[in-house]
Amino acid sequence: MSDRILLTDGVQPQSLVDVLDRLLDTGVVADGQIVLTVAGVDLVYLGVRALLASVDTAARMTMLPGGKSSS
């Protein structure tokens, strides 16, 4: 018989739907850079920035104080 130790520290397991809901509610930004260099010369630079958020969250992020949009 194997002994298993369950270490939860009071944290309840969350479903994938709960995790996605929280990520979309708060928003997630991924930022990265790739540079292709040959013989010390930069040939290709690729910069990527992605925002994953719900429409409501994105609208809240772009609103300025006073209810006016930034555009």
C-alpha atoms as a PDB file:
ATOM      1  CA  MET A   1       0.000   0.000   0.000  1.00  0.00           C
ATOM      2  CA  SER A   2       1.445   3.346  -0.997  1.00  0.00           C
ATOM      3  CA  ASP A   3       1.218   6.328   1.295  1.00  0.00           C
ATOM      4  CA  ARG A   4       0.171   9.569  -0.370  1.00  0.00           C
ATOM      5  CA  ILE A   5       0.630  12.969   1.164  1.00  0.00           C
ATOM      6  CA  LEU A   6      -1.785  15.640   0.029  1.00  0.00           C
ATOM      7  CA  LEU A   7      -0.372  19.151   0.443  1.00  0.00           C
ATOM      8  CA  THR A   8      -3.104  21.656  -0.300  1.00  0.00           C
ATOM      9  CA  ASP A   9      -2.387  24.369   2.293  1.00  0.00           C
ATOM     10  CA  GLY A  10      -6.094  25.174   2.303  1.00  0.00           C
ATOM     11  CA  VAL A  11      -6.176  25.947  -1.427  1.00  0.00           C
ATOM     12  CA  GLN A  12      -9.183  24.534  -3.236  1.00  0.00           C
ATOM     13  CA  PRO A  13      -8.602  23.036  -6.682  1.00  0.00           C
ATOM     14  CA  GLN A  14     -10.015  25.180  -9.480  1.00  0.00           C
ATOM     15  CA  SER A  15     -11.515  24.078 -12.737  1.00  0.00           C
ATOM     16  CA  LEU A  16     -10.184  25.270 -16.077  1.00  0.00           C
ATOM     17  CA  VAL A  17     -13.266  27.448 -16.545  1.00  0.00           C
ATOM     18  CA  ASP A  18     -12.584  29.248 -13.253  1.00  0.00           C
ATOM     19  CA  VAL A  19      -8.955  29.882 -14.200  1.00  0.00           C
ATOM     20  CA  LEU A  20      -9.905  31.203 -17.672  1.00  0.00           C
ATOM     21  CA  ASP A  21     -12.606  33.420 -16.156  1.00  0.00           C
ATOM     22  CA  ARG A  22     -10.090  34.947 -13.761  1.00  0.00           C
ATOM     23  CA  LEU A  23      -7.487  35.452 -16.513  1.00  0.00           C
ATOM     24  CA  LEU A  24     -10.003  37.126 -18.820  1.00  0.00           C
ATOM     25  CA  ASP A  25     -11.325  39.270 -15.966  1.00  0.00           C
ATOM     26  CA  THR A  26      -7.887  40.571 -14.976  1.00  0.00           C
ATOM     27  CA  GLY A  27      -6.146  40.438 -18.371  1.00  0.00           C
ATOM     28  CA  VAL A  28      -2.809  38.895 -19.272  1.00  0.00           C
ATOM     29  CA  VAL A  29      -0.004  40.468 -21.297  1.00  0.00           C
ATOM     30  CA  ALA A  30       2.693  38.359 -22.986  1.00  0.00           C
ATOM     31  CA  ASP A  31       5.772  40.167 -24.284  1.00  0.00           C
ATOM     32  CA  GLY A  32       8.747  38.653 -26.063  1.00  0.00           C
ATOM     33  CA  GLN A  33      11.640  39.317 -28.417  1.00  0.00           C
ATOM     34  CA  ILE A  34      13.584  37.114 -30.818  1.00  0.00           C
ATOM     35  CA  VAL A  35      16.754  38.256 -32.583  1.00  0.00           C
ATOM     36  CA  LEU A  36      18.439  36.155 -35.273  1.00  0.00           C
ATOM     37  CA  THR A  37      22.141  36.952 -35.339  1.00  0.00           C
ATOM     38  CA  VAL A  38      24.817  35.580 -37.677  1.00  0.00           C
ATOM     39  CA  ALA A  39      28.497  36.464 -37.182  1.00  0.00           C
ATOM     40  CA  GLY A  40      27.598  39.257 -34.774  1.00  0.00           C
ATOM     41  CA  VAL A  41      25.177  40.928 -37.199  1.00  0.00           C
ATOM     42  CA  ASP A  42      21.496  41.172 -36.282  1.00  0.00           C
ATOM     43  CA  LEU A  43      19.557  39.929 -39.301  1.00  0.00           C
ATOM     44  CA  VAL A  44      16.016  39.519 -38.022  1.00  0.00           C
ATOM     45  CA  TYR A  45      14.260  41.124 -35.057  1.00  0.00           C
ATOM     46  CA  LEU A  46      10.825  39.973 -34.006  1.00  0.00           C
ATOM     47  CA  GLY A  47       8.961  41.705 -31.190  1.00  0.00           C
ATOM     48  CA  VAL A  48       5.656  40.302 -29.967  1.00  0.00           C
ATOM     49  CA  ARG A  49       3.196  41.732 -27.470  1.00  0.00           C
ATOM     50  CA  ALA A  50      -0.190  40.086 -26.934  1.00  0.00           C
ATOM     51  CA  LEU A  51      -3.085  41.005 -24.661  1.00  0.00           C
ATOM     52  CA  LEU A  52      -5.594  38.375 -23.589  1.00  0.00           C
ATOM     53  CA  ALA A  53      -8.623  39.924 -21.902  1.00  0.00           C
ATOM     54  CA  SER A  54     -12.375  40.092 -22.154  1.00  0.00           C
ATOM     55  CA  VAL A  55     -13.935  42.980 -24.070  1.00  0.00           C
ATOM     56  CA  ASP A  56     -15.157  44.515 -20.802  1.00  0.00           C
ATOM     57  CA  THR A  57     -11.702  44.302 -19.215  1.00  0.00           C
ATOM     58  CA  ALA A  58     -10.010  45.763 -22.316  1.00  0.00           C
ATOM     59  CA  ALA A  59     -12.508  48.640 -22.305  1.00  0.00           C
ATOM     60  CA  ARG A  60     -11.791  49.306 -18.617  1.00  0.00           C
ATOM     61  CA  MET A  61      -8.027  49.249 -19.280  1.00  0.00           C
ATOM     62  CA  THR A  62      -8.315  51.887 -22.020  1.00  0.00           C
ATOM     63  CA  MET A  63     -10.593  54.263 -20.092  1.00  0.00           C
ATOM     64  CA  LEU A  64      -9.089  57.375 -18.597  1.00  0.00           C
ATOM     65  CA  PRO A  65     -10.303  59.032 -15.385  1.00  0.00           C
ATOM     66  CA  GLY A  66     -13.512  60.907 -16.047  1.00  0.00           C
ATOM     67  CA  GLY A  67     -14.946  58.247 -18.350  1.00  0.00           C
ATOM     68  CA  LYS A  68     -13.254  59.481 -21.532  1.00  0.00           C
ATOM     69  CA  SER A  69     -11.509  56.970 -23.794  1.00  0.00           C
ATOM     70  CA  SER A  70      -7.871  57.421 -24.778  1.00  0.00           C
ATOM     71  CA  SER A  71      -8.645  57.610 -28.543  1.00  0.00           C
END
